[in-house]
Amino acid sequence: VGAQTSVVKMLPVDSRFSWETYDEDLSSLDESSRITAVGLLEHLNVTRDTSDYLWYITSVDISSSESFIRGGHKPSINVQSAGHAVHVFVNGQFSGSAFGTRKQRSCTFSGPVNLH
């Protein structure tokens, strides 16, 4: 799982409003800015409301003898989020997103992943 920088251009529908975008410099995310914990941490308690999101990063060791690797089948990942959105990256590759609604904020992403 890894971080990725992207640029989004948003155009206002109404000329009374304007949008601003910026590129995030991920090189500032050195070891001193990382928190290691067992399990997920609550967003606002970690960021103190200074950021709209968190990156959750984990590693899983997979043996080359696993049946799904030998059989050529991709395993699936299931990410349940109590937040408004989740974006899933596996081995630096975007796997997909899921979004909540105004009525149901939580969301779940399920899909195949390419593990190596």
Protein backbone atom coordinates (compact mmCIF):
# COMPACT_ATOMS: atom_id res chain seq x y z
CA VAL A 1 0.00 0.00 0.00
CA GLY A 2 1.44 3.39 -0.83
CA ALA A 3 0.77 7.06 -1.29
CA GLN A 4 0.38 8.69 -4.65
CA THR A 5 0.23 12.31 -5.76
CA SER A 6 -2.47 13.37 -8.16
CA VAL A 7 -3.63 16.63 -9.66
CA VAL A 8 -7.32 17.35 -9.98
CA LYS A 9 -8.68 20.26 -11.97
CA MET A 10 -12.06 21.40 -10.75
CA LEU A 11 -14.09 23.94 -12.67
CA PRO A 12 -16.85 25.93 -10.95
CA VAL A 13 -20.35 25.59 -12.34
CA ASP A 14 -21.27 29.01 -11.03
CA SER A 15 -18.86 31.91 -11.67
CA ARG A 16 -19.50 33.23 -8.15
CA PHE A 17 -17.41 30.37 -6.77
CA SER A 18 -13.80 29.52 -7.41
CA TRP A 19 -11.75 26.40 -6.82
CA GLU A 20 -8.18 26.00 -5.80
CA THR A 21 -6.04 22.87 -6.07
CA TYR A 22 -2.50 22.04 -5.07
CA ASP A 23 -0.03 19.18 -5.30
CA GLU A 24 0.84 17.58 -2.01
CA ASP A 25 4.54 17.01 -1.37
CA LEU A 26 4.63 13.49 -0.01
CA SER A 27 8.38 13.62 0.56
CA SER A 28 7.64 15.38 3.86
CA LEU A 29 6.11 12.17 5.19
CA ASP A 30 9.25 10.85 6.81
CA GLU A 31 9.51 8.34 9.64
CA SER A 32 8.92 10.99 12.32
CA SER A 33 5.41 11.69 10.98
CA ARG A 34 4.35 8.03 11.15
CA ILE A 35 2.39 6.37 13.91
CA THR A 36 2.51 2.62 14.42
CA ALA A 37 -0.46 0.99 16.11
CA VAL A 38 -2.28 -2.31 16.29
CA GLY A 39 -5.60 -1.64 14.55
CA LEU A 40 -6.97 1.53 13.01
CA LEU A 41 -7.00 4.85 14.82
CA GLU A 42 -9.82 7.38 14.83
CA HIS A 43 -9.10 10.11 12.26
CA LEU A 44 -9.88 13.27 14.25
CA ASN A 45 -7.94 12.07 17.30
CA VAL A 46 -4.85 11.53 15.13
CA THR A 47 -4.97 14.63 12.91
CA ARG A 48 -6.45 16.99 15.49
CA ASP A 49 -8.68 18.18 12.61
CA THR A 50 -5.73 19.62 10.66
CA SER A 51 -6.20 17.22 7.74
CA ASP A 52 -9.17 15.84 5.82
CA TYR A 53 -7.64 12.37 5.49
CA LEU A 54 -5.19 9.78 6.77
CA TRP A 55 -3.07 7.23 4.98
CA TYR A 56 -3.34 3.75 6.50
CA ILE A 57 -0.44 1.57 5.41
CA THR A 58 0.06 -2.09 6.21
CA SER A 59 2.20 -4.98 5.02
CA VAL A 60 1.25 -8.62 4.64
CA ASP A 61 3.81 -11.35 4.02
CA ILE A 62 2.52 -13.96 1.58
CA SER A 63 4.23 -17.28 1.03
CA SER A 64 4.93 -18.32 -2.56
CA SER A 65 3.24 -21.62 -1.69
CA GLU A 66 -0.18 -19.96 -1.19
CA SER A 67 -2.75 -21.72 -3.35
CA PHE A 68 -4.09 -18.51 -4.93
CA ILE A 69 -0.61 -17.62 -6.20
CA ARG A 70 0.03 -21.11 -7.60
CA GLY A 71 -3.49 -21.26 -9.09
CA GLY A 72 -3.28 -17.83 -10.72
CA HIS A 73 -6.36 -16.56 -8.87
CA LYS A 74 -6.42 -13.07 -7.43
CA PRO A 75 -7.49 -12.80 -3.80
CA SER A 76 -10.00 -10.12 -2.87
CA ILE A 77 -9.78 -7.30 -0.37
CA ASN A 78 -12.66 -5.98 1.69
CA VAL A 79 -12.22 -2.53 3.28
CA GLN A 80 -15.00 -1.19 5.48
CA SER A 81 -14.84 2.52 6.25
CA ALA A 82 -16.87 4.56 8.70
CA GLY A 83 -15.73 7.64 6.80
CA HIS A 84 -17.16 9.21 3.68
CA ALA A 85 -14.73 7.62 1.22
CA VAL A 86 -11.98 5.08 0.89
CA HIS A 87 -9.34 4.82 -1.85
CA VAL A 88 -7.45 1.52 -1.99
CA PHE A 89 -3.89 1.14 -3.28
CA VAL A 90 -2.11 -2.22 -3.29
CA ASN A 91 1.60 -2.39 -4.13
CA GLY A 92 1.43 1.23 -5.29
CA GLN A 93 -1.37 0.48 -7.77
CA PHE A 94 -4.85 1.97 -7.47
CA SER A 95 -7.35 -0.84 -6.81
CA GLY A 96 -10.54 1.19 -6.49
CA SER A 97 -12.70 3.49 -4.38
CA ALA A 98 -15.95 3.43 -2.46
CA PHE A 99 -18.05 6.37 -1.31
CA GLY A 100 -20.78 6.89 1.26
CA THR A 101 -23.82 9.12 0.86
CA ARG A 102 -25.32 11.90 2.93
CA LYS A 103 -27.69 9.41 4.53
CA GLN A 104 -25.23 6.50 4.84
CA ARG A 105 -21.70 7.84 5.32
CA SER A 106 -19.96 4.52 5.77
CA CYS A 107 -18.85 2.58 2.71
CA THR A 108 -17.24 -0.71 1.74
CA PHE A 109 -14.77 -1.45 -1.04
CA SER A 110 -14.50 -5.04 -2.25
CA GLY A 111 -12.46 -6.18 -5.20
CA PRO A 112 -9.66 -8.37 -6.50
CA VAL A 113 -6.06 -7.39 -5.78
CA ASN A 114 -2.82 -8.25 -7.48
CA LEU A 115 -0.40 -9.51 -4.83
CA HIS A 116 3.22 -10.43 -5.48
